[in-house]
N, C-alpha and C. Protein backbone atom coordinates (compact mmCIF):
# COMPACT_ATOMS: atom_id res chain seq x y z
N MET A 1 2.50 -17.18 -20.68
CA MET A 1 1.68 -15.89 -20.14
C MET A 1 1.38 -14.75 -21.49
N THR A 2 0.54 -14.46 -21.07
CA THR A 2 -0.04 -13.65 -22.36
C THR A 2 0.73 -11.81 -21.91
N GLU A 3 1.40 -11.35 -23.04
CA GLU A 3 1.74 -10.09 -22.90
C GLU A 3 0.54 -9.03 -21.82
N ALA A 4 -0.39 -9.21 -21.83
CA ALA A 4 -0.97 -8.51 -20.98
C ALA A 4 -1.64 -8.93 -19.80
N ALA A 5 -1.00 -10.22 -19.44
CA ALA A 5 -1.25 -10.43 -18.27
C ALA A 5 0.39 -9.65 -17.67
N LYS A 6 1.27 -9.50 -17.79
CA LYS A 6 2.36 -8.90 -17.78
C LYS A 6 2.17 -7.37 -17.60
N THR A 7 1.82 -6.67 -18.08
CA THR A 7 1.91 -5.25 -18.19
C THR A 7 0.86 -4.95 -17.09
N PRO A 8 1.41 -4.14 -16.06
CA PRO A 8 0.12 -3.53 -14.92
C PRO A 8 -0.67 -2.54 -15.46
N PRO A 9 -2.20 -2.50 -14.90
CA PRO A 9 -2.75 -1.65 -15.16
C PRO A 9 -2.43 -0.31 -15.26
N PRO A 10 -2.72 0.95 -15.83
CA PRO A 10 -2.23 2.11 -15.86
C PRO A 10 -2.22 2.53 -14.52
N ALA A 11 -1.62 3.65 -13.97
CA ALA A 11 -1.14 4.15 -12.43
C ALA A 11 -2.84 5.05 -13.10
N SER A 12 -3.13 5.16 -11.54
CA SER A 12 -4.17 5.76 -10.88
C SER A 12 -3.74 7.39 -9.95
N CYS A 13 -4.08 8.55 -10.26
CA CYS A 13 -4.12 9.35 -9.58
C CYS A 13 -4.81 9.54 -8.04
N PRO A 14 -4.78 9.46 -6.79
CA PRO A 14 -5.32 9.29 -6.19
C PRO A 14 -5.74 10.98 -4.91
N SER A 15 -5.61 11.71 -6.05
CA SER A 15 -5.70 13.12 -5.44
C SER A 15 -6.02 14.18 -6.91
N VAL A 16 -6.86 13.51 -6.89
CA VAL A 16 -7.22 14.47 -8.49
C VAL A 16 -8.64 15.32 -8.10
N THR A 17 -8.16 16.35 -8.80
CA THR A 17 -9.31 18.07 -8.30
C THR A 17 -10.57 17.82 -9.47
N SER A 18 -10.03 17.41 -10.51
CA SER A 18 -11.14 17.43 -11.32
C SER A 18 -11.54 15.69 -11.66
N PHE A 19 -13.09 15.86 -11.52
CA PHE A 19 -14.29 14.55 -11.50
C PHE A 19 -14.58 14.33 -12.78
N SER A 20 -13.54 14.12 -13.77
CA SER A 20 -13.53 13.13 -14.47
C SER A 20 -14.76 12.33 -14.83
N PRO A 21 -15.46 12.08 -15.73
CA PRO A 21 -16.02 10.41 -15.60
C PRO A 21 -15.42 9.79 -15.82
N ASP A 22 -14.23 9.42 -15.96
CA ASP A 22 -13.66 7.96 -15.39
C ASP A 22 -12.95 8.02 -14.14
N ALA A 23 -13.22 9.02 -13.10
CA ALA A 23 -13.09 9.29 -11.60
C ALA A 23 -13.52 8.21 -10.98
N GLN A 24 -13.45 7.82 -9.33
CA GLN A 24 -14.05 6.69 -8.69
C GLN A 24 -12.95 7.51 -7.12
N ILE A 25 -14.69 7.08 -6.39
CA ILE A 25 -14.57 8.43 -5.44
C ILE A 25 -14.01 6.65 -4.46
N PHE A 26 -13.00 7.31 -3.64
CA PHE A 26 -12.26 5.35 -2.94
C PHE A 26 -12.44 6.46 -1.44
N GLY A 27 -12.61 7.71 -0.96
CA GLY A 27 -12.44 7.86 0.61
C GLY A 27 -13.62 9.37 0.52
N VAL A 28 -13.98 9.41 1.91
CA VAL A 28 -14.87 10.44 2.26
C VAL A 28 -14.12 11.03 3.62
N LEU A 29 -13.63 12.05 3.54
CA LEU A 29 -13.22 13.21 4.80
C LEU A 29 -14.15 12.82 5.79
N THR A 30 -13.34 12.32 7.19
CA THR A 30 -14.24 12.40 7.94
C THR A 30 -13.70 13.68 9.47
N GLY A 31 -14.22 14.05 10.02
CA GLY A 31 -13.84 14.74 11.49
C GLY A 31 -14.39 16.26 10.77
N SER A 32 -13.45 16.86 11.62
CA SER A 32 -13.71 18.38 11.40
C SER A 32 -12.67 19.43 11.24
N ALA A 33 -12.76 20.59 11.12
CA ALA A 33 -11.74 21.68 11.06
C ALA A 33 -11.20 21.74 12.60
N THR A 34 -11.77 21.41 13.31
CA THR A 34 -11.03 21.43 14.99
C THR A 34 -10.20 20.70 15.39
N ALA A 35 -11.38 19.37 14.87
CA ALA A 35 -10.34 18.52 15.81
C ALA A 35 -9.87 17.31 14.48
N GLY A 36 -9.23 18.04 12.99
CA GLY A 36 -8.92 17.52 12.01
C GLY A 36 -9.15 16.35 11.08
N PHE A 37 -9.34 16.58 9.99
CA PHE A 37 -9.62 15.66 9.25
C PHE A 37 -8.67 14.37 9.13
N GLN A 38 -9.62 13.27 8.90
CA GLN A 38 -9.29 12.25 8.09
C GLN A 38 -9.40 11.49 7.13
N VAL A 39 -9.39 10.70 6.19
CA VAL A 39 -10.15 9.61 4.71
C VAL A 39 -10.51 8.65 5.63
N GLY A 40 -12.35 8.51 5.39
CA GLY A 40 -12.47 7.43 5.59
C GLY A 40 -12.56 6.71 4.50
N TYR A 41 -12.36 5.23 4.15
CA TYR A 41 -12.06 4.50 3.42
C TYR A 41 -13.30 3.68 2.92
N LEU A 42 -13.67 4.01 1.62
CA LEU A 42 -14.64 3.18 1.43
C LEU A 42 -14.22 1.36 0.52
N THR A 43 -14.95 0.81 1.08
CA THR A 43 -14.41 -0.65 1.21
C THR A 43 -14.50 -0.89 -0.82
N GLU A 44 -15.52 -0.35 -1.72
CA GLU A 44 -15.02 -0.56 -3.02
C GLU A 44 -15.56 1.05 -3.23
N ALA A 45 -14.43 1.19 -4.98
CA ALA A 45 -14.63 2.67 -5.45
C ALA A 45 -15.67 2.75 -5.89
N LEU A 46 -16.13 4.23 -5.69
CA LEU A 46 -17.63 4.29 -6.71
C LEU A 46 -17.35 5.23 -7.52
N PRO A 47 -18.38 5.57 -9.15
CA PRO A 47 -17.86 6.20 -10.43
C PRO A 47 -18.51 7.33 -9.51
N ALA A 48 -17.63 8.64 -9.87
CA ALA A 48 -17.91 10.32 -9.46
C ALA A 48 -19.09 10.28 -10.23
N THR A 49 -20.72 9.98 -9.64
CA THR A 49 -21.74 10.78 -10.38
C THR A 49 -22.02 11.85 -9.93
N PRO A 50 -22.59 12.43 -11.22
CA PRO A 50 -22.85 14.10 -10.89
C PRO A 50 -23.79 13.84 -9.52
N GLY A 51 -24.61 12.60 -8.77
CA GLY A 51 -25.74 12.62 -7.31
C GLY A 51 -24.74 12.86 -6.94
N LEU A 52 -23.84 11.97 -6.75
CA LEU A 52 -23.04 11.53 -5.57
C LEU A 52 -22.25 12.80 -5.71
N LEU A 53 -21.70 13.33 -5.86
CA LEU A 53 -20.74 14.54 -6.20
C LEU A 53 -21.99 15.62 -5.75
N ALA A 54 -23.20 15.91 -5.80
CA ALA A 54 -23.77 17.03 -4.96
C ALA A 54 -23.76 16.74 -3.83
N ALA A 55 -23.76 15.50 -3.34
CA ALA A 55 -23.06 14.84 -1.76
C ALA A 55 -22.76 15.61 -0.91
N ALA A 56 -21.87 16.45 -1.90
CA ALA A 56 -20.82 17.61 -1.06
C ALA A 56 -21.27 18.98 -0.42
N VAL A 57 -22.37 19.25 -1.42
CA VAL A 57 -22.75 20.60 -1.77
C VAL A 57 -23.40 21.25 -0.37
N PRO A 58 -22.65 22.10 0.19
CA PRO A 58 -22.39 23.32 -0.15
C PRO A 58 -20.71 23.38 -0.18
N ALA A 59 -20.52 22.54 0.13
CA ALA A 59 -18.72 22.27 -0.10
C ALA A 59 -18.18 22.00 -1.57
N LYS A 60 -17.07 22.15 -2.70
CA LYS A 60 -16.62 21.31 -3.30
C LYS A 60 -16.43 19.90 -3.00
N PRO A 61 -16.72 19.24 -3.92
CA PRO A 61 -16.22 17.55 -4.23
C PRO A 61 -14.80 17.96 -3.34
N ALA A 62 -13.86 18.31 -4.48
CA ALA A 62 -12.71 17.98 -4.13
C ALA A 62 -12.43 18.60 -2.16
N GLU A 63 -13.12 18.87 -1.82
CA GLU A 63 -13.44 19.46 0.09
C GLU A 63 -13.89 17.76 0.90
N VAL A 64 -14.36 17.21 -0.05
CA VAL A 64 -15.45 16.28 1.47
C VAL A 64 -14.56 14.40 0.91
N PHE A 65 -14.46 14.66 -0.80
CA PHE A 65 -14.29 13.31 -1.22
C PHE A 65 -12.75 13.00 -1.99
N ARG A 66 -12.21 12.27 -1.79
CA ARG A 66 -10.84 11.23 -2.25
C ARG A 66 -11.56 10.61 -3.36
N ALA A 67 -10.70 11.35 -4.83
CA ALA A 67 -11.50 10.84 -6.15
C ALA A 67 -9.95 9.98 -6.73
N ALA A 68 -9.84 8.98 -7.38
CA ALA A 68 -8.92 8.31 -8.27
C ALA A 68 -9.26 8.74 -9.71
N ALA A 69 -8.57 9.08 -10.53
CA ALA A 69 -8.48 9.01 -12.08
C ALA A 69 -7.23 8.75 -12.70
N PRO A 70 -7.23 8.27 -14.21
CA PRO A 70 -5.88 7.92 -15.05
C PRO A 70 -4.88 9.21 -14.12
N CYS A 71 -3.70 8.78 -14.16
CA CYS A 71 -2.25 9.49 -13.99
C CYS A 71 -2.42 10.41 -15.45
N MET A 72 -2.21 11.85 -15.11
CA MET A 72 -1.72 12.28 -16.09
C MET A 72 -0.86 12.49 -16.76
N GLU A 73 0.26 12.34 -15.80
CA GLU A 73 1.75 12.13 -16.04
C GLU A 73 2.60 13.43 -16.49
N SER A 74 2.86 13.66 -17.44
CA SER A 74 3.42 14.81 -17.97
C SER A 74 2.61 15.97 -17.82
N GLY A 75 1.22 15.61 -18.03
CA GLY A 75 0.07 16.40 -18.06
C GLY A 75 -0.22 17.37 -16.29
N CYS A 76 0.85 16.68 -15.93
CA CYS A 76 0.10 16.90 -14.49
C CYS A 76 1.57 17.83 -13.59
N LYS A 77 1.28 18.86 -13.43
CA LYS A 77 2.92 19.74 -12.63
C LYS A 77 3.78 19.13 -11.65
N HIS A 78 2.88 18.03 -11.11
CA HIS A 78 3.54 17.38 -9.90
C HIS A 78 4.54 16.07 -10.36
N PHE A 79 4.22 15.68 -11.92
CA PHE A 79 4.98 14.50 -12.49
C PHE A 79 6.11 15.22 -13.15
N ASP A 80 7.56 14.28 -12.83
CA ASP A 80 8.72 14.98 -13.66
C ASP A 80 9.27 14.44 -14.54
N GLY A 81 8.57 13.04 -15.13
CA GLY A 81 8.55 12.69 -16.55
C GLY A 81 8.50 11.06 -15.96
N ALA A 82 9.19 10.73 -14.45
CA ALA A 82 9.32 9.62 -14.17
C ALA A 82 8.73 9.44 -12.92
N ASN A 83 8.26 10.24 -11.98
CA ASN A 83 7.54 10.11 -10.66
C ASN A 83 7.13 11.37 -10.25
N CYS A 84 5.85 11.06 -9.38
CA CYS A 84 5.42 11.90 -8.83
C CYS A 84 5.60 12.65 -7.72
N GLN A 85 6.32 14.03 -7.65
CA GLN A 85 6.82 14.42 -6.77
C GLN A 85 5.73 15.38 -5.54
N LEU A 86 4.80 14.98 -5.72
CA LEU A 86 3.50 14.98 -5.00
C LEU A 86 3.76 14.16 -3.72
N VAL A 87 3.92 13.06 -4.01
CA VAL A 87 3.86 11.80 -2.89
C VAL A 87 5.53 11.84 -2.29
N GLN A 88 6.53 12.02 -3.15
CA GLN A 88 7.64 11.85 -2.60
C GLN A 88 7.28 12.94 -1.29
N ARG A 89 7.03 14.34 -1.64
CA ARG A 89 7.17 15.32 -0.49
C ARG A 89 6.21 15.27 0.20
N LEU A 90 5.06 14.37 0.07
CA LEU A 90 4.41 14.11 1.38
C LEU A 90 5.14 12.82 2.30
N ALA A 91 5.84 11.84 1.50
CA ALA A 91 6.55 11.04 2.27
C ALA A 91 7.72 11.68 3.40
N ALA A 92 8.40 12.34 2.26
CA ALA A 92 9.58 13.02 3.30
C ALA A 92 9.07 14.22 4.33
N MET A 93 7.73 15.05 3.90
CA MET A 93 7.82 15.84 5.13
C MET A 93 6.62 16.03 6.13
N LEU A 94 5.66 14.84 5.88
CA LEU A 94 4.52 14.75 6.62
C LEU A 94 4.86 13.60 7.22
N ASP A 95 4.88 13.57 8.58
CA ASP A 95 4.75 12.51 9.97
C ASP A 95 3.40 11.47 8.92
N PRO A 96 3.81 9.85 9.69
CA PRO A 96 2.73 8.63 9.13
C PRO A 96 1.09 9.28 10.41
N VAL A 97 0.37 9.06 9.93
CA VAL A 97 -0.74 8.95 10.68
C VAL A 97 -1.49 7.73 11.00
N VAL A 98 -1.40 6.89 10.80
CA VAL A 98 -1.71 5.69 10.68
C VAL A 98 -0.36 4.37 10.67
N ARG A 99 -0.64 3.97 11.70
CA ARG A 99 0.54 2.19 11.84
C ARG A 99 0.06 1.11 11.15
N THR A 100 -0.81 1.11 10.61
CA THR A 100 -0.91 -0.09 9.96
C THR A 100 -1.56 0.91 8.37
N VAL A 101 -1.43 0.09 7.46
CA VAL A 101 -1.64 0.41 5.64
C VAL A 101 -3.56 -0.08 5.76
N PRO A 102 -3.89 1.04 5.69
CA PRO A 102 -5.51 1.51 5.39
C PRO A 102 -5.78 0.16 4.38
N ARG A 103 -7.11 -0.33 4.93
CA ARG A 103 -7.75 -0.68 3.72
C ARG A 103 -8.13 0.23 2.34
N CYS A 104 -7.86 -0.21 1.17
CA CYS A 104 -7.96 0.96 0.02
C CYS A 104 -8.21 0.05 -1.49
N ALA A 105 -9.26 0.81 -1.90
CA ALA A 105 -9.87 0.10 -3.17
C ALA A 105 -9.32 0.27 -3.92
N ILE A 106 -8.23 1.61 -4.67
CA ILE A 106 -7.76 1.41 -5.52
C ILE A 106 -5.91 1.34 -5.41
N ARG A 107 -5.41 0.52 -4.30
CA ARG A 107 -3.97 0.48 -3.94
C ARG A 107 -3.34 -0.56 -5.65
N SER A 108 -4.18 -1.44 -6.01
CA SER A 108 -3.17 -2.08 -6.47
C SER A 108 -3.20 -1.18 -7.82
N THR A 109 -3.57 0.33 -8.36
CA THR A 109 -3.47 0.80 -9.74
C THR A 109 -2.94 2.26 -8.98
N CYS A 110 -2.65 2.58 -7.66
CA CYS A 110 -2.48 4.13 -7.04
C CYS A 110 -0.67 4.52 -7.34
N ARG A 111 -0.94 5.38 -8.14
CA ARG A 111 1.00 5.89 -8.49
C ARG A 111 1.56 5.81 -7.11
N TRP A 112 0.98 6.82 -5.98
CA TRP A 112 1.58 6.79 -4.90
C TRP A 112 1.60 5.52 -4.29
N PHE A 113 0.86 4.65 -4.10
CA PHE A 113 1.55 3.52 -3.72
C PHE A 113 3.01 2.45 -4.38
N ARG A 114 2.46 2.61 -5.68
CA ARG A 114 3.23 2.07 -6.45
C ARG A 114 4.57 2.96 -6.14
N GLN A 115 4.93 3.78 -6.46
CA GLN A 115 6.48 4.76 -6.30
C GLN A 115 6.47 4.57 -4.81
N GLU A 116 5.69 4.68 -3.67
CA GLU A 116 6.74 5.12 -2.53
C GLU A 116 6.27 4.10 -1.69
N GLY A 117 5.15 3.16 -1.83
CA GLY A 117 5.27 1.78 -1.17
C GLY A 117 4.56 1.96 0.21
N ARG A 118 4.34 1.42 1.21
CA ARG A 118 3.92 1.57 2.41
C ARG A 118 3.96 3.08 3.00
N GLU A 119 4.97 3.98 2.66
CA GLU A 119 5.57 4.94 3.38
C GLU A 119 4.00 6.23 2.19
N ALA A 120 3.35 6.05 1.52
CA ALA A 120 2.63 6.81 1.26
C ALA A 120 1.27 6.37 1.56
N CYS A 121 1.10 5.45 2.01
CA CYS A 121 -0.11 4.74 3.04
C CYS A 121 -0.78 5.12 4.19
N LEU A 122 0.70 4.91 4.60
CA LEU A 122 0.82 5.48 6.35
C LEU A 122 0.43 7.34 6.28
N ARG A 123 0.76 7.99 4.85
CA ARG A 123 0.50 9.37 5.43
C ARG A 123 -0.65 9.64 4.28
N CYS A 124 -1.76 9.12 3.61
CA CYS A 124 -2.11 8.91 2.80
C CYS A 124 -4.08 9.75 3.59
N PRO A 125 -4.11 9.13 4.56
CA PRO A 125 -5.38 9.68 5.43
C PRO A 125 -5.83 11.14 5.83
N GLN A 126 -4.13 11.49 5.67
CA GLN A 126 -3.92 12.59 6.45
C GLN A 126 -4.07 14.23 4.98
N VAL A 127 -4.59 13.38 3.58
CA VAL A 127 -4.35 14.03 2.50
C VAL A 127 -6.08 14.29 2.20
N ALA A 128 -6.42 15.67 1.91
CA ALA A 128 -7.29 16.34 2.02
C ALA A 128 -7.04 16.91 0.21
N THR A 129 -7.46 16.15 -0.77
CA THR A 129 -7.29 17.28 -2.38
C THR A 129 -7.53 18.42 -1.95
N GLU A 130 -8.69 19.10 -1.47
CA GLU A 130 -9.17 20.83 -1.38
C GLU A 130 -9.45 20.99 -0.18
N ARG A 131 -8.34 22.17 0.34
CA ARG A 131 -8.64 23.01 1.61
C ARG A 131 -9.27 24.23 1.65
N ARG A 132 -9.69 24.27 2.24
CA ARG A 132 -10.47 25.95 2.67
C ARG A 132 -9.28 26.83 3.42
N ASN A 133 -8.59 26.29 3.88
CA ASN A 133 -7.54 27.05 5.19
C ASN A 133 -6.41 26.27 5.52
N PRO A 134 -5.52 25.59 4.37
CA PRO A 134 -4.43 24.90 4.23
C PRO A 134 -3.30 25.30 5.37
N SER A 135 -2.86 25.01 6.03
CA SER A 135 -1.56 25.30 6.95
C SER A 135 -0.60 25.43 5.89
N ASP A 136 0.56 26.37 6.04
CA ASP A 136 1.67 26.52 5.99
C ASP A 136 2.21 25.22 5.47
N LEU A 137 2.02 24.08 6.47
CA LEU A 137 2.98 22.99 5.74
C LEU A 137 1.92 22.48 4.49
N GLN A 138 0.72 22.61 4.81
CA GLN A 138 -0.09 21.82 3.69
C GLN A 138 0.24 22.51 2.65
N ILE A 139 0.75 23.76 2.11
CA ILE A 139 0.72 24.42 1.32
C ILE A 139 2.23 24.71 1.10
N GLU A 140 3.17 23.89 1.41
CA GLU A 140 4.68 23.91 0.95
C GLU A 140 4.48 22.12 0.61
N VAL A 141 3.68 21.43 1.23
CA VAL A 141 3.63 19.85 0.36
C VAL A 141 2.90 20.28 -0.80
N ALA A 142 1.82 20.64 -1.12
CA ALA A 142 1.35 20.64 -2.26
C ALA A 142 2.39 21.74 -3.36
N SER A 143 2.63 22.47 -2.82
CA SER A 143 3.34 23.65 -3.96
C SER A 143 4.32 22.81 -4.95
């Protein structure tokens, strides 16, 4: 086996707020503010093209889409040098919202899955990267 075959692909962050050219849309928020939002997962991730991002208007793309891009590691306030503190808080503070792991187009590279496994996936559908009126709990988890 070659060295390249042994090395896993770089981890991707499933909660990017900045849609860089390498961002991939893997989910769309469904529901409403009153009934609650949940992520509808795409069968395959799509490039975050300007045309696709424009479909979110008048909302911000991060209020409508869940996107992944390469994890910034030490460039991110949630990374402690080894782990993503955001997903640790998600797993510890939020209850699961699904019983089975949803189909996900980015699981093979997802930092949250690599770090917290199934526990991250059971909570992921309730995560909106950006909310207009977040609850106190959502603010605490994100801080």
